[in-house]
Protein backbone atom coordinates (compact mmCIF):
# COMPACT_ATOMS: atom_id res chain seq x y z
CA MET A 1 20.84 -9.44 -14.78
CA SER A 2 20.09 -8.83 -11.10
CA THR A 3 17.97 -11.15 -8.98
CA TYR A 4 15.58 -10.31 -6.17
CA ALA A 5 17.16 -9.78 -2.74
CA PRO A 6 14.60 -10.17 0.07
CA PRO A 7 14.80 -7.00 2.25
CA VAL A 8 14.99 -8.92 5.52
CA ASP A 9 17.47 -6.47 7.05
CA ASP A 10 15.02 -3.61 6.52
CA MET A 11 12.23 -5.72 8.00
CA ALA A 12 14.41 -6.45 11.02
CA PHE A 13 15.10 -2.73 11.45
CA LEU A 14 11.36 -2.03 11.54
CA LEU A 15 10.68 -4.80 14.05
CA THR A 16 13.55 -4.01 16.40
CA ARG A 17 14.15 -0.26 16.12
CA VAL A 18 11.05 1.46 14.75
CA LEU A 19 7.86 -0.33 15.80
CA ASP A 20 8.92 -2.22 18.94
CA PHE A 21 7.62 -5.62 17.91
CA ASP A 22 8.79 -7.32 21.10
CA ARG A 23 6.85 -5.00 23.39
CA ALA A 24 3.72 -5.41 21.29
CA MET A 25 3.94 -9.19 21.41
CA THR A 26 4.34 -9.36 25.19
CA ALA A 27 0.92 -7.70 25.56
CA LEU A 28 -0.83 -10.37 23.49
CA PRO A 29 -1.79 -13.71 25.06
CA GLY A 30 -0.29 -16.62 23.17
CA PHE A 31 2.49 -14.54 21.66
CA GLU A 32 4.66 -14.13 24.75
CA GLU A 33 7.42 -16.29 23.25
CA VAL A 34 7.30 -14.58 19.86
CA ASN A 35 10.03 -11.98 19.49
CA ALA A 36 11.96 -10.15 16.78
CA GLU A 37 14.75 -12.73 16.76
CA LEU A 38 12.26 -15.50 15.97
CA ALA A 39 10.47 -13.31 13.45
CA VAL A 40 13.65 -12.48 11.56
CA SER A 41 14.69 -16.14 11.42
CA VAL A 42 11.29 -17.03 9.93
CA LEU A 43 11.53 -14.17 7.42
CA GLU A 44 15.03 -15.23 6.37
CA GLU A 45 13.75 -18.69 5.48
CA ALA A 46 10.75 -17.19 3.69
CA GLY A 47 13.08 -14.98 1.69
CA LYS A 48 15.15 -17.98 0.63
CA PHE A 49 12.03 -19.72 -0.69
CA ALA A 50 10.81 -16.60 -2.48
CA ALA A 51 14.17 -15.86 -4.14
CA GLY A 52 15.29 -19.43 -4.71
CA VAL A 53 12.07 -21.18 -5.75
CA LEU A 54 9.46 -18.62 -6.77
CA GLU A 55 11.42 -15.94 -8.62
CA PRO A 56 12.97 -18.40 -11.12
CA LEU A 57 9.41 -19.39 -12.13
CA ASN A 58 8.20 -15.83 -12.62
CA ARG A 59 9.26 -15.02 -16.16
CA PRO A 60 8.84 -18.58 -17.56
CA GLY A 61 5.37 -18.72 -16.01
CA ASP A 62 4.45 -15.40 -17.58
CA GLU A 63 5.63 -16.59 -20.99
CA GLU A 64 3.95 -20.01 -20.83
CA GLY A 65 0.73 -18.98 -19.13
CA CYS A 66 -2.14 -21.24 -18.07
CA THR A 67 -4.06 -23.46 -20.47
CA LEU A 68 -7.52 -25.00 -20.54
CA ALA A 69 -8.11 -28.29 -22.38
CA ASP A 70 -10.93 -30.80 -21.97
CA GLY A 71 -12.23 -28.80 -19.01
CA ARG A 72 -8.92 -29.00 -17.14
CA VAL A 73 -6.66 -26.10 -16.23
CA THR A 74 -2.89 -26.58 -16.40
CA THR A 75 -0.59 -24.06 -14.76
CA PRO A 76 2.90 -23.31 -16.15
CA LYS A 77 5.73 -25.76 -15.64
CA GLY A 78 6.95 -25.89 -12.07
CA VAL A 79 4.08 -23.96 -10.45
CA ALA A 80 2.21 -26.99 -9.07
CA GLU A 81 5.43 -28.44 -7.66
CA ALA A 82 6.35 -25.09 -6.11
CA TYR A 83 2.95 -24.80 -4.48
CA ARG A 84 3.19 -28.27 -2.98
CA ALA A 85 6.67 -27.46 -1.67
CA PHE A 86 5.35 -24.20 -0.26
CA ALA A 87 2.56 -26.05 1.56
CA GLU A 88 4.78 -28.86 2.79
CA ALA A 89 7.19 -26.30 4.27
CA GLY A 90 4.33 -24.94 6.37
CA TRP A 91 4.05 -21.48 4.78
CA CYS A 92 0.32 -21.80 4.06
CA GLY A 93 -0.47 -22.08 7.75
CA LEU A 94 1.91 -19.42 9.06
CA SER A 95 -0.78 -17.23 10.65
CA GLY A 96 -3.53 -19.88 10.61
CA ASP A 97 -5.64 -20.75 13.65
CA PRO A 98 -3.85 -23.43 15.73
CA GLU A 99 -7.24 -25.02 16.47
CA TYR A 100 -7.28 -26.16 12.84
CA GLY A 101 -3.58 -26.89 12.43
CA GLY A 102 -2.18 -23.41 11.81
CA GLN A 103 0.98 -22.06 13.40
CA GLY A 104 -0.79 -19.04 14.87
CA LEU A 105 2.07 -16.62 14.26
CA PRO A 106 1.39 -12.87 14.16
CA ARG A 107 -0.17 -11.13 11.17
CA VAL A 108 3.00 -9.04 10.96
CA LEU A 109 4.96 -12.06 9.75
CA GLN A 110 2.20 -12.98 7.31
CA ILE A 111 2.23 -9.55 5.68
CA LEU A 112 6.00 -9.53 5.33
CA LEU A 113 5.91 -13.04 3.85
CA ASP A 114 3.25 -11.84 1.41
CA GLU A 115 5.49 -8.95 0.36
CA MET A 116 8.37 -11.25 -0.51
CA ILE A 117 6.13 -13.64 -2.43
CA SER A 118 4.64 -10.72 -4.35
CA SER A 119 8.10 -9.43 -5.24
CA ALA A 120 9.23 -12.83 -6.44
CA ASN A 121 6.12 -14.09 -8.22
CA LEU A 122 2.86 -12.15 -8.02
CA SER A 123 0.83 -14.79 -9.86
CA PHE A 124 1.88 -17.52 -7.45
CA GLY A 125 1.02 -15.47 -4.39
CA LEU A 126 -2.67 -15.40 -5.28
CA PHE A 127 -3.04 -19.14 -4.61
CA PRO A 128 -2.19 -19.02 -0.87
CA GLY A 129 -3.49 -15.45 -0.54
CA LEU A 130 -7.00 -16.24 -1.76
CA THR A 131 -7.05 -19.44 0.28
CA ARG A 132 -6.24 -17.49 3.42
CA GLY A 133 -9.03 -15.02 2.71
CA ALA A 134 -11.51 -17.87 2.25
CA VAL A 135 -10.30 -19.38 5.52
CA GLU A 136 -11.02 -16.11 7.31
CA ALA A 137 -14.57 -15.93 5.94
CA ILE A 138 -15.29 -19.54 6.84
CA GLY A 139 -13.67 -19.17 10.25
CA HIS A 140 -15.72 -16.08 11.13
CA HIS A 141 -19.09 -17.03 9.68
CA ALA A 142 -19.51 -20.77 8.97
CA GLY A 143 -20.94 -23.35 11.32
CA ALA A 144 -18.83 -25.81 13.30
CA ASP A 145 -19.35 -28.68 10.83
CA LEU A 146 -18.11 -26.70 7.84
CA LYS A 147 -15.15 -25.39 9.81
CA ALA A 148 -14.15 -28.89 10.90
CA ALA A 149 -14.55 -30.31 7.41
CA TYR A 150 -12.69 -27.65 5.46
CA LEU A 151 -10.40 -25.45 7.56
CA PRO A 152 -7.68 -27.98 8.50
CA LYS A 153 -6.92 -28.92 4.90
CA MET A 154 -7.19 -25.33 3.67
CA ILE A 155 -4.85 -24.04 6.37
CA SER A 156 -2.35 -26.82 5.63
CA GLY A 157 -2.46 -25.95 1.93
CA GLU A 158 -3.71 -29.37 0.87
CA TRP A 159 -6.88 -27.63 -0.36
CA THR A 160 -7.09 -24.13 -1.82
CA GLY A 161 -9.76 -21.43 -1.95
CA ALA A 162 -11.38 -19.01 -4.39
CA MET A 163 -13.96 -16.25 -4.14
CA ALA A 164 -16.73 -16.04 -6.74
CA LEU A 165 -18.42 -12.64 -6.76
CA THR A 166 -18.33 -10.95 -10.13
CA GLU A 167 -20.76 -11.56 -12.96
CA ALA A 168 -20.79 -10.08 -16.44
CA SER A 169 -23.54 -7.63 -15.47
CA ALA A 170 -22.62 -7.25 -11.79
CA GLY A 171 -19.18 -5.89 -10.95
CA THR A 172 -18.89 -3.34 -8.18
CA ASP A 173 -22.70 -3.30 -7.84
CA LEU A 174 -23.16 -6.80 -6.46
CA GLY A 175 -26.85 -6.09 -5.94
CA LEU A 176 -27.29 -6.89 -9.64
CA LEU A 177 -26.00 -10.46 -9.47
CA SER A 178 -28.31 -13.23 -10.67
CA THR A 179 -26.71 -16.52 -9.56
CA ARG A 180 -29.35 -18.61 -7.77
CA ALA A 181 -29.21 -21.05 -4.85
CA VAL A 182 -32.17 -23.41 -4.39
CA PRO A 183 -32.56 -25.57 -1.24
CA ASN A 184 -32.05 -29.28 -1.85
CA GLY A 185 -34.05 -30.28 1.23
CA ASP A 186 -31.08 -31.80 3.06
CA GLY A 187 -29.43 -28.60 4.28
CA SER A 188 -27.49 -28.09 1.05
CA TYR A 189 -28.29 -25.86 -1.92
CA ALA A 190 -28.08 -26.18 -5.70
CA ILE A 191 -26.16 -23.20 -7.10
CA THR A 192 -26.66 -22.14 -10.70
CA GLY A 193 -25.01 -19.24 -12.48
CA THR A 194 -21.85 -17.96 -14.15
CA LYS A 195 -19.08 -15.95 -12.52
CA ILE A 196 -16.21 -14.17 -14.28
CA PHE A 197 -12.70 -13.05 -13.27
CA ILE A 198 -12.35 -15.89 -10.72
CA SER A 199 -8.68 -16.07 -9.72
CA SER A 200 -7.50 -19.58 -8.75
CA GLY A 201 -10.87 -20.90 -9.92
CA ASP A 202 -9.20 -24.13 -11.01
CA HIS A 203 -5.68 -25.55 -11.25
CA ASP A 204 -3.67 -28.76 -11.40
CA PHE A 205 -2.23 -28.91 -7.89
CA GLY A 206 -4.40 -31.80 -6.74
CA GLY A 207 -6.63 -31.64 -3.69
CA ASN A 208 -9.84 -29.64 -3.52
CA ILE A 209 -10.73 -26.06 -4.44
CA ILE A 210 -13.23 -24.40 -2.13
CA HIS A 211 -15.33 -21.74 -3.83
CA LEU A 212 -17.14 -19.11 -1.80
CA VAL A 213 -20.03 -18.08 -4.05
CA LEU A 214 -22.45 -15.18 -3.72
CA ALA A 215 -25.96 -16.15 -4.82
CA ARG A 216 -29.66 -15.45 -4.20
CA LEU A 217 -32.16 -17.68 -2.47
CA PRO A 218 -35.52 -18.11 -4.24
CA ASP A 219 -37.35 -15.66 -1.98
CA ALA A 220 -34.50 -13.14 -1.73
CA PRO A 221 -35.32 -9.45 -2.20
CA ARG A 222 -33.62 -7.39 -4.87
CA GLY A 223 -30.39 -5.59 -4.04
CA VAL A 224 -27.53 -6.43 -1.71
CA LYS A 225 -29.83 -7.47 1.15
CA GLY A 226 -30.88 -10.46 -0.93
CA ILE A 227 -27.41 -11.93 -1.29
CA SER A 228 -26.23 -15.01 0.60
CA LEU A 229 -22.83 -16.72 0.72
CA PHE A 230 -22.31 -20.40 -0.07
CA LEU A 231 -19.39 -22.81 0.16
CA ALA A 232 -19.17 -24.98 -2.96
CA PRO A 233 -16.18 -27.35 -3.26
CA LYS A 234 -14.81 -28.64 -6.55
CA PHE A 235 -15.13 -32.12 -5.08
CA LEU A 236 -17.73 -33.11 -2.53
CA VAL A 237 -16.23 -34.34 0.72
CA ALA A 238 -16.60 -38.05 1.38
CA ALA A 239 -17.59 -39.53 4.72
CA ASP A 240 -13.95 -40.19 5.58
CA GLY A 241 -13.01 -36.57 4.91
CA GLY A 242 -11.34 -37.29 1.59
CA LEU A 243 -12.39 -36.32 -1.92
CA GLY A 244 -15.71 -37.63 -3.20
CA ALA A 245 -17.63 -37.01 -6.41
CA ARG A 246 -16.89 -34.06 -8.69
CA ASN A 247 -19.29 -31.19 -8.01
CA ALA A 248 -21.41 -29.70 -10.80
CA MET A 249 -19.11 -26.81 -11.69
CA SER A 250 -16.83 -26.27 -14.66
CA VAL A 251 -14.39 -23.79 -16.17
CA GLY A 252 -16.03 -22.16 -19.16
CA ALA A 253 -12.91 -20.25 -20.24
CA LEU A 254 -9.67 -18.69 -19.08
CA GLU A 255 -9.56 -14.91 -19.25
CA HIS A 256 -7.00 -13.47 -21.69
CA LYS A 257 -5.46 -10.66 -19.73
CA MET A 258 -2.72 -8.06 -19.52
CA GLY A 259 -0.66 -9.69 -16.77
CA ILE A 260 -0.50 -12.36 -14.05
CA HIS A 261 -0.42 -14.97 -16.83
CA ALA A 262 0.64 -17.79 -14.50
CA GLN A 263 -2.52 -17.27 -12.47
CA PRO A 264 -5.64 -19.04 -13.86
CA THR A 265 -8.38 -16.40 -14.00
CA CYS A 266 -11.49 -18.38 -14.81
CA VAL A 267 -15.02 -18.06 -16.08
CA MET A 268 -16.80 -20.45 -13.72
CA ASN A 269 -20.08 -22.17 -14.52
CA TYR A 270 -22.08 -23.49 -11.55
CA GLU A 271 -24.55 -26.00 -12.95
CA GLY A 272 -26.62 -26.94 -9.92
CA ALA A 273 -23.44 -27.23 -7.86
CA THR A 274 -23.95 -28.43 -4.31
CA GLY A 275 -23.14 -25.80 -1.72
CA TRP A 276 -23.74 -24.94 1.92
CA LEU A 277 -24.79 -21.66 3.45
CA VAL A 278 -22.05 -19.67 5.19
CA GLY A 279 -23.48 -17.30 7.79
CA GLU A 280 -27.07 -16.10 7.77
CA PRO A 281 -29.41 -15.96 4.75
CA GLY A 282 -29.37 -12.53 3.17
CA ARG A 283 -26.15 -11.52 4.93
CA GLY A 284 -23.73 -12.93 2.40
CA LEU A 285 -22.13 -9.62 1.65
CA ASN A 286 -21.31 -9.17 5.32
CA ALA A 287 -19.61 -12.56 5.37
CA MET A 288 -17.85 -12.00 2.08
CA PHE A 289 -16.47 -8.66 3.25
CA THR A 290 -14.49 -10.55 5.89
CA MET A 291 -12.67 -12.18 3.02
CA MET A 292 -12.59 -9.06 0.85
CA ASN A 293 -11.10 -6.84 3.56
CA ALA A 294 -8.36 -9.40 4.17
CA GLU A 295 -7.75 -9.56 0.42
CA ARG A 296 -7.66 -5.76 0.10
CA LEU A 297 -4.78 -5.57 2.56
CA PHE A 298 -3.11 -8.46 0.75
CA VAL A 299 -3.50 -6.69 -2.61
CA GLY A 300 -1.95 -3.54 -1.16
CA ILE A 301 1.06 -5.63 -0.18
CA GLN A 302 1.22 -6.88 -3.77
CA GLY A 303 1.74 -3.27 -4.86
CA LEU A 304 4.56 -2.92 -2.35
CA GLY A 305 6.13 -6.20 -3.45
CA ILE A 306 6.22 -5.24 -7.12
CA ALA A 307 7.65 -1.82 -6.25
CA GLU A 308 10.46 -3.37 -4.20
CA ALA A 309 11.44 -5.86 -6.90
CA ALA A 310 11.23 -3.32 -9.73
CA ASN A 311 13.24 -0.71 -7.82
CA GLN A 312 15.94 -3.24 -6.97
CA LYS A 313 16.35 -4.19 -10.62
CA ALA A 314 16.35 -0.56 -11.77
CA VAL A 315 19.05 0.39 -9.23
CA ALA A 316 21.25 -2.51 -10.34
CA TYR A 317 20.88 -1.49 -13.98
CA ALA A 318 21.53 2.20 -13.26
CA ARG A 319 24.80 1.35 -11.52
CA GLU A 320 26.05 -0.62 -14.53
CA ARG A 321 24.65 1.24 -17.54
CA LEU A 322 27.11 3.83 -18.90
CA GLN A 323 25.67 6.83 -20.71
CA GLY A 324 26.72 10.44 -21.25
CA ASN A 325 28.97 12.81 -19.38
CA GLY A 326 28.51 13.28 -15.66
CA PRO A 327 26.30 16.19 -14.61
CA ASP A 328 29.26 17.54 -12.61
CA GLY A 329 31.43 17.63 -15.73
CA THR A 330 33.00 14.20 -15.33
CA PRO A 331 33.94 12.94 -18.80
CA GLY A 332 31.63 10.17 -19.91
CA PRO A 333 30.41 7.67 -20.23
CA VAL A 334 29.31 7.47 -16.58
CA PRO A 335 26.81 5.18 -14.85
CA ILE A 336 23.35 6.63 -15.34
CA ILE A 337 22.78 6.60 -11.58
CA ALA A 338 24.86 9.79 -11.63
CA HIS A 339 22.12 11.66 -13.52
CA PRO A 340 19.62 13.60 -11.37
CA ASP A 341 16.51 12.51 -13.26
CA VAL A 342 17.45 8.83 -12.91
CA ARG A 343 18.11 9.37 -9.23
CA LYS A 344 14.69 10.98 -8.83
CA MET A 345 12.98 7.91 -10.28
CA LEU A 346 15.01 5.53 -8.14
CA LEU A 347 14.60 7.56 -4.96
CA SER A 348 10.85 7.93 -5.50
CA GLY A 349 10.50 4.15 -5.61
CA ARG A 350 12.72 3.62 -2.58
CA ALA A 351 10.99 6.37 -0.58
CA PHE A 352 7.63 4.73 -1.26
CA ALA A 353 8.67 1.12 -0.64
CA ASP A 354 10.41 1.75 2.69
CA ALA A 355 7.58 3.92 4.04
CA ALA A 356 4.90 1.53 2.79
CA ARG A 357 6.59 -1.43 4.45
CA ALA A 358 6.72 0.46 7.75
CA LEU A 359 3.06 1.43 7.46
CA ALA A 360 2.16 -2.17 6.59
CA VAL A 361 3.91 -3.48 9.68
CA TRP A 362 2.20 -0.84 11.84
CA THR A 363 -1.18 -1.84 10.39
CA ALA A 364 -0.45 -5.53 10.93
CA LEU A 365 0.38 -4.84 14.57
CA GLN A 366 -3.04 -3.19 14.91
CA MET A 367 -4.58 -6.32 13.38
CA ASP A 368 -2.81 -8.50 15.92
CA MET A 369 -4.01 -6.28 18.77
CA ALA A 370 -7.56 -6.26 17.41
CA ALA A 371 -7.57 -10.05 17.37
CA HIS A 372 -5.69 -10.91 20.56
CA HIS A 373 -5.39 -8.09 23.08
CA PRO A 374 -7.03 -8.96 26.43
CA ASP A 375 -8.58 -5.49 26.81
CA ALA A 376 -11.81 -5.11 24.84
CA ALA A 377 -11.34 -1.35 24.50
CA VAL A 378 -7.87 -1.82 23.03
CA ARG A 379 -9.21 -4.43 20.63
CA ALA A 380 -11.98 -2.10 19.49
CA GLY A 381 -9.59 0.83 19.08
CA ALA A 382 -7.15 -1.22 17.02
CA ASP A 383 -9.96 -2.64 14.91
CA GLY A 384 -11.09 0.88 14.03
CA LEU A 385 -7.59 1.85 12.93
CA VAL A 386 -7.37 -1.26 10.72
CA ALA A 387 -10.69 -0.36 9.13
CA LEU A 388 -9.45 3.17 8.47
CA MET A 389 -6.20 1.98 6.94
CA THR A 390 -7.61 -0.83 4.77
CA PRO A 391 -8.67 1.34 1.80
CA VAL A 392 -5.52 3.45 2.15
CA VAL A 393 -3.21 0.42 2.05
CA LYS A 394 -5.08 -1.15 -0.85
CA ALA A 395 -5.35 1.93 -3.04
CA ALA A 396 -2.25 3.95 -2.20
CA PHE A 397 0.15 0.99 -2.17
CA THR A 398 -1.10 -0.23 -5.54
CA ASP A 399 -1.14 3.25 -7.10
CA PHE A 400 2.36 4.08 -5.93
CA GLY A 401 3.45 0.50 -6.64
CA PHE A 402 2.35 0.77 -10.27
CA GLU A 403 3.98 4.19 -10.59
CA THR A 404 7.21 2.72 -9.20
CA ALA A 405 7.08 -0.15 -11.69
CA VAL A 406 6.62 2.29 -14.59
CA ALA A 407 9.40 4.59 -13.37
CA SER A 408 11.72 1.61 -12.86
CA GLN A 409 10.97 0.47 -16.39
CA GLN A 410 11.79 3.99 -17.60
CA VAL A 411 15.22 3.79 -15.97
CA LEU A 412 16.06 0.92 -18.32
CA GLY A 413 14.86 2.81 -21.38
CA GLY A 414 14.40 0.49 -24.35
CA HIS A 415 15.68 -2.44 -22.33
CA GLY A 416 12.77 -1.88 -19.98
CA TYR A 417 10.30 -2.26 -22.83
CA ILE A 418 11.54 -5.62 -24.07
CA ARG A 419 10.87 -8.86 -22.24
CA GLU A 420 14.45 -9.86 -21.53
CA TRP A 421 14.90 -7.72 -18.43
CA GLY A 422 11.54 -8.47 -16.82
CA MET A 423 10.56 -4.85 -16.26
CA GLU A 424 7.61 -4.87 -18.64
CA GLN A 425 6.19 -7.85 -16.74
CA PHE A 426 6.30 -5.87 -13.50
CA VAL A 427 4.25 -3.13 -15.18
CA ARG A 428 1.71 -5.59 -16.58
CA ASP A 429 1.40 -7.58 -13.36
CA ALA A 430 1.15 -4.53 -11.13
CA ARG A 431 -1.74 -3.04 -13.07
CA ILE A 432 -4.37 -5.52 -11.87
CA ALA A 433 -3.75 -4.64 -8.23
CA GLN A 434 -5.33 -1.22 -8.80
CA ILE A 435 -8.46 -2.94 -10.15
CA TYR A 436 -9.36 -6.15 -8.35
CA GLU A 437 -10.82 -6.47 -4.85
CA GLY A 438 -12.59 -3.17 -5.47
CA THR A 439 -11.07 -0.57 -7.77
CA ASN A 440 -9.02 2.16 -6.17
CA GLY A 441 -11.77 4.66 -6.81
CA VAL A 442 -14.11 2.44 -4.80
CA GLN A 443 -11.51 2.27 -2.02
CA ALA A 444 -11.29 6.06 -1.95
CA MET A 445 -15.08 6.30 -1.72
CA ASP A 446 -15.02 3.81 1.13
CA LEU A 447 -12.50 5.99 2.95
CA VAL A 448 -14.40 9.28 2.61
CA GLY A 449 -17.90 7.85 2.61
CA ARG A 450 -17.68 5.32 5.43
CA LYS A 451 -14.41 5.26 7.33
CA LEU A 452 -14.15 8.97 8.15
CA GLY A 453 -17.55 8.78 9.81
CA MET A 454 -16.74 5.82 12.04
CA GLU A 455 -16.78 6.24 15.82
CA GLY A 456 -19.07 9.20 15.42
CA GLY A 457 -16.55 10.91 13.16
CA THR A 458 -13.77 10.75 15.75
CA LEU A 459 -11.74 7.92 14.16
CA PRO A 460 -9.62 10.12 11.86
CA ALA A 461 -8.95 12.56 14.71
CA ARG A 462 -7.75 9.66 16.85
CA PHE A 463 -5.39 8.59 14.07
CA PHE A 464 -4.11 12.12 13.55
CA ALA A 465 -3.42 12.41 17.28
CA LEU A 466 -1.19 9.32 17.09
CA ILE A 467 0.82 10.93 14.31
CA LYS A 468 1.16 14.22 16.23
CA ALA A 469 2.41 12.43 19.31
CA ASP A 470 5.03 10.55 17.32
CA LEU A 471 6.18 13.68 15.52
CA ASP A 472 6.62 15.47 18.83
CA ALA A 473 8.52 12.55 20.31
CA ALA A 474 10.83 12.23 17.31
CA ALA A 475 11.55 15.92 16.81
CA PRO A 476 14.62 16.17 19.08
CA VAL A 477 16.37 13.42 17.11
CA ALA A 478 14.86 13.68 13.62
CA GLY A 479 15.12 17.48 13.52
CA ALA A 480 12.79 20.26 12.48
CA ALA A 481 13.79 20.10 8.80
CA LEU A 482 12.13 16.70 8.62
CA VAL A 483 9.38 16.94 11.22
CA THR A 484 7.99 20.38 10.38
CA PRO A 485 7.03 19.59 6.74
CA VAL A 486 5.24 16.44 7.86
CA ALA A 487 3.41 18.35 10.61
CA GLU A 488 2.35 20.98 8.05
CA ALA A 489 1.10 18.27 5.67
CA LEU A 490 -0.84 16.73 8.55
CA ALA A 491 -2.47 20.10 9.17
CA ARG A 492 -3.56 20.21 5.52
CA LEU A 493 -5.04 16.73 5.88
CA GLU A 494 -6.93 17.79 9.00
CA ARG A 495 -8.35 20.83 7.21
CA ALA A 496 -9.39 18.71 4.24
CA THR A 497 -11.06 16.24 6.59
CA ALA A 498 -12.96 19.04 8.31
CA ARG A 499 -14.12 20.43 4.94
CA LEU A 500 -15.47 17.04 3.95
CA ALA A 501 -17.34 16.77 7.24
CA ALA A 502 -18.81 20.27 6.87
CA HIS A 503 -19.69 20.10 3.17
CA GLY A 504 -20.62 16.46 2.78
CA GLY A 505 -22.93 14.76 0.34
CA ALA A 506 -22.32 12.12 -2.32
CA VAL A 507 -21.20 14.53 -5.02
CA GLU A 508 -18.62 16.30 -2.88
CA ALA A 509 -17.39 13.01 -1.42
CA GLY A 510 -17.02 11.50 -4.88
CA ALA A 511 -15.19 14.55 -6.19
CA ALA A 512 -12.76 14.53 -3.27
CA ALA A 513 -12.20 10.80 -2.78
CA THR A 514 -9.10 9.90 -4.79
CA ASP A 515 -7.24 13.14 -4.08
CA TYR A 516 -8.08 12.87 -0.40
CA LEU A 517 -6.82 9.28 -0.19
CA ARG A 518 -3.52 10.22 -1.81
CA LEU A 519 -3.13 13.15 0.56
CA PHE A 520 -3.86 10.82 3.48
CA ALA A 521 -1.29 8.30 2.24
CA LEU A 522 1.47 10.86 1.76
CA VAL A 523 0.99 12.11 5.31
CA ALA A 524 1.09 8.54 6.62
CA PHE A 525 4.28 7.87 4.66
CA GLY A 526 5.80 11.06 6.09
CA TRP A 527 4.90 9.86 9.57
CA MET A 528 6.74 6.60 8.96
CA TRP A 529 9.76 8.43 7.53
CA VAL A 530 10.02 10.53 10.67
CA ARG A 531 9.95 7.41 12.81
CA MET A 532 12.48 5.55 10.65
CA SER A 533 14.83 8.52 10.41
CA ALA A 534 14.76 9.09 14.17
CA ALA A 535 15.45 5.41 14.82
CA ALA A 536 18.38 5.37 12.38
CA LEU A 537 19.87 8.61 13.72
CA ALA A 538 19.61 7.31 17.29
CA LEU A 539 22.10 4.57 16.37
CA GLY A 540 24.73 7.19 15.58
CA ALA A 541 28.01 5.92 14.20
CA ASP A 542 26.97 2.34 14.95
CA ALA A 543 24.34 2.42 12.20
CA PRO A 544 25.22 0.24 9.18
CA PRO A 545 25.28 1.94 5.74
CA ALA A 546 21.79 0.68 4.86
CA LEU A 547 20.41 2.55 7.89
CA ARG A 548 22.59 5.64 7.54
CA ARG A 549 20.88 6.23 4.21
CA LYS A 550 17.45 6.45 5.87
CA PRO A 551 17.63 10.15 6.87
CA LYS A 552 18.82 11.03 3.36
CA ILE A 553 15.88 9.23 1.75
CA ALA A 554 13.58 10.87 4.30
CA ARG A 555 14.92 14.27 3.21
CA PHE A 556 14.17 13.39 -0.42
CA PHE A 557 10.65 12.37 0.54
CA VAL A 558 9.81 15.58 2.42
CA GLU A 559 11.44 17.87 -0.15
CA ARG A 560 10.40 16.20 -3.41
CA MET A 561 7.34 14.03 -2.73
CA LEU A 562 5.52 15.49 0.27
CA PRO A 563 4.97 18.90 -1.45
CA ALA A 564 2.36 17.14 -3.58
CA THR A 565 0.10 17.59 -0.55
CA LEU A 566 -0.04 21.31 -1.36
CA ALA A 567 -1.50 20.66 -4.80
CA LEU A 568 -3.88 18.01 -3.50
CA ASP A 569 -5.14 20.33 -0.78
CA ALA A 570 -5.68 23.12 -3.32
CA ALA A 571 -7.62 20.82 -5.64
CA LEU A 572 -9.74 19.51 -2.77
CA ALA A 573 -10.58 23.05 -1.65
CA HIS A 574 -12.26 23.73 -5.01
CA GLY A 575 -14.72 20.88 -4.49
CA ALA A 576 -17.03 19.33 -7.07
CA PRO A 577 -18.29 22.21 -9.30
CA ALA A 578 -15.60 21.95 -12.00
CA LEU A 579 -16.13 18.19 -12.25
CA MET A 580 -19.89 18.47 -12.65
CA ALA A 581 -20.13 21.56 -14.89
CA LEU A 582 -19.79 19.73 -18.22
CA GLU A 583 -22.96 18.07 -19.50
CA ALA A 584 -22.57 14.33 -20.11
CA GLU A 585 -23.53 14.59 -23.76
CA THR A 586 -20.75 17.12 -24.43
CA PHE A 587 -17.86 14.97 -23.24
């Protein structure tokens, strides 16, 4: 049975040949000594941890699951030890703020680390991933005292984080939540309510767990404008900075769920728990979205990670499994990788994973520029592109990631359906990524309802101009057979964008949203394939085999996957009427 091989060589290709990581870093203060050589050495070590420590825990953790007894959560055997080793090795603080003990390395490295963790053990990755999101919310919105008290130990990994939003009657519509926060008179608040679906809500790692909880103040208005954000630790912090008394919160139950069994998804009861306001009263959703947007990008990378691991395992199986005569008449049995339909499934997964990784690195570079570039205009421009790409990365990566997991399972046939090979776990684990941190339908609505209108409606045009410029630059090397189909798909996307702007409204936006996002993603993937193919072809005969295959996968993408943009464009052109014609009672 094959094991996960971290794709560090492909990551190095992106950093050195496709996206010019070194040039980007030299423009950012504080990163002048960060280069691709350093980045690759860090990623190699990360890959060793992911493959050597985390992957061996993946299947046993799924089978054992988490347990709750006497109010205490126990994670599967080996998980707590792995987390402590992960923290002690410094991985928790990789991109953390140096002011609070972080290493301050670029977001690019963080995203590629997250991919490898997600490939090796999706459940495990939620512990550091949620902590990092909580750190971002606290770092952007909390006061100096809270930052000083909590950020150093969260960034080091000694303490972890969780986000508590959802209630039984308040999912996507957070304006319905009922958890209350009453002032204690000393600057703290007493938080009372029940939250569900709280990942990493409790565990047995030791240290503290810092909950960021959405709640209402006594005089808060109804709706989202009445929501505030509070920091409520599992243990109150003593005067010396260590752990004090247990806070008034408890785990009411562990959710019984389809996948991510090694991740404790908790029902949390806050029983007058002591908390502190993060940000301004009534602006909790604004503060929480700092965390949620970080988590949405992280969840998108989870989809990529599962796709990479599943595709690797399916390829290994297809090379070894003998079945039937060869399609060219070769007497059988032959390896099933010879059969066209198997190749289509394998190539679809590879074409997605390679393009998604490239797009993720490009987005991470924009994040680094938005945070660190000395020119305010450049920072603002990069920040807009990150905002535009956030729903696309979250939704498209997890949709295609799940599809890749299912197709990879299909390659194994019956062996994919039984537990032994691990493919059914990939399918179960991948499914949640399309749901949490805002369902993919919500992400699509965010794209068409909010992001397309940013910068006075010019943001998408600015993004499309970047793609056009790159296509023109790559054409002499990549060739018209590759560039022209991507340019034509881009033109369809531009027309669809113009139609949405001209015939707006909630109904039309809702009818278009998911198809539009998929169209957008396919064009973005085509853009990355043009760039990768041109970079590989430019190496000529010096290109290693792994890079010489890039133009061939690019050809598969433009000939067999990109044509889906024709159907999506046709469906979008018809608009909402067919969706709304059937009366609700006749469904």
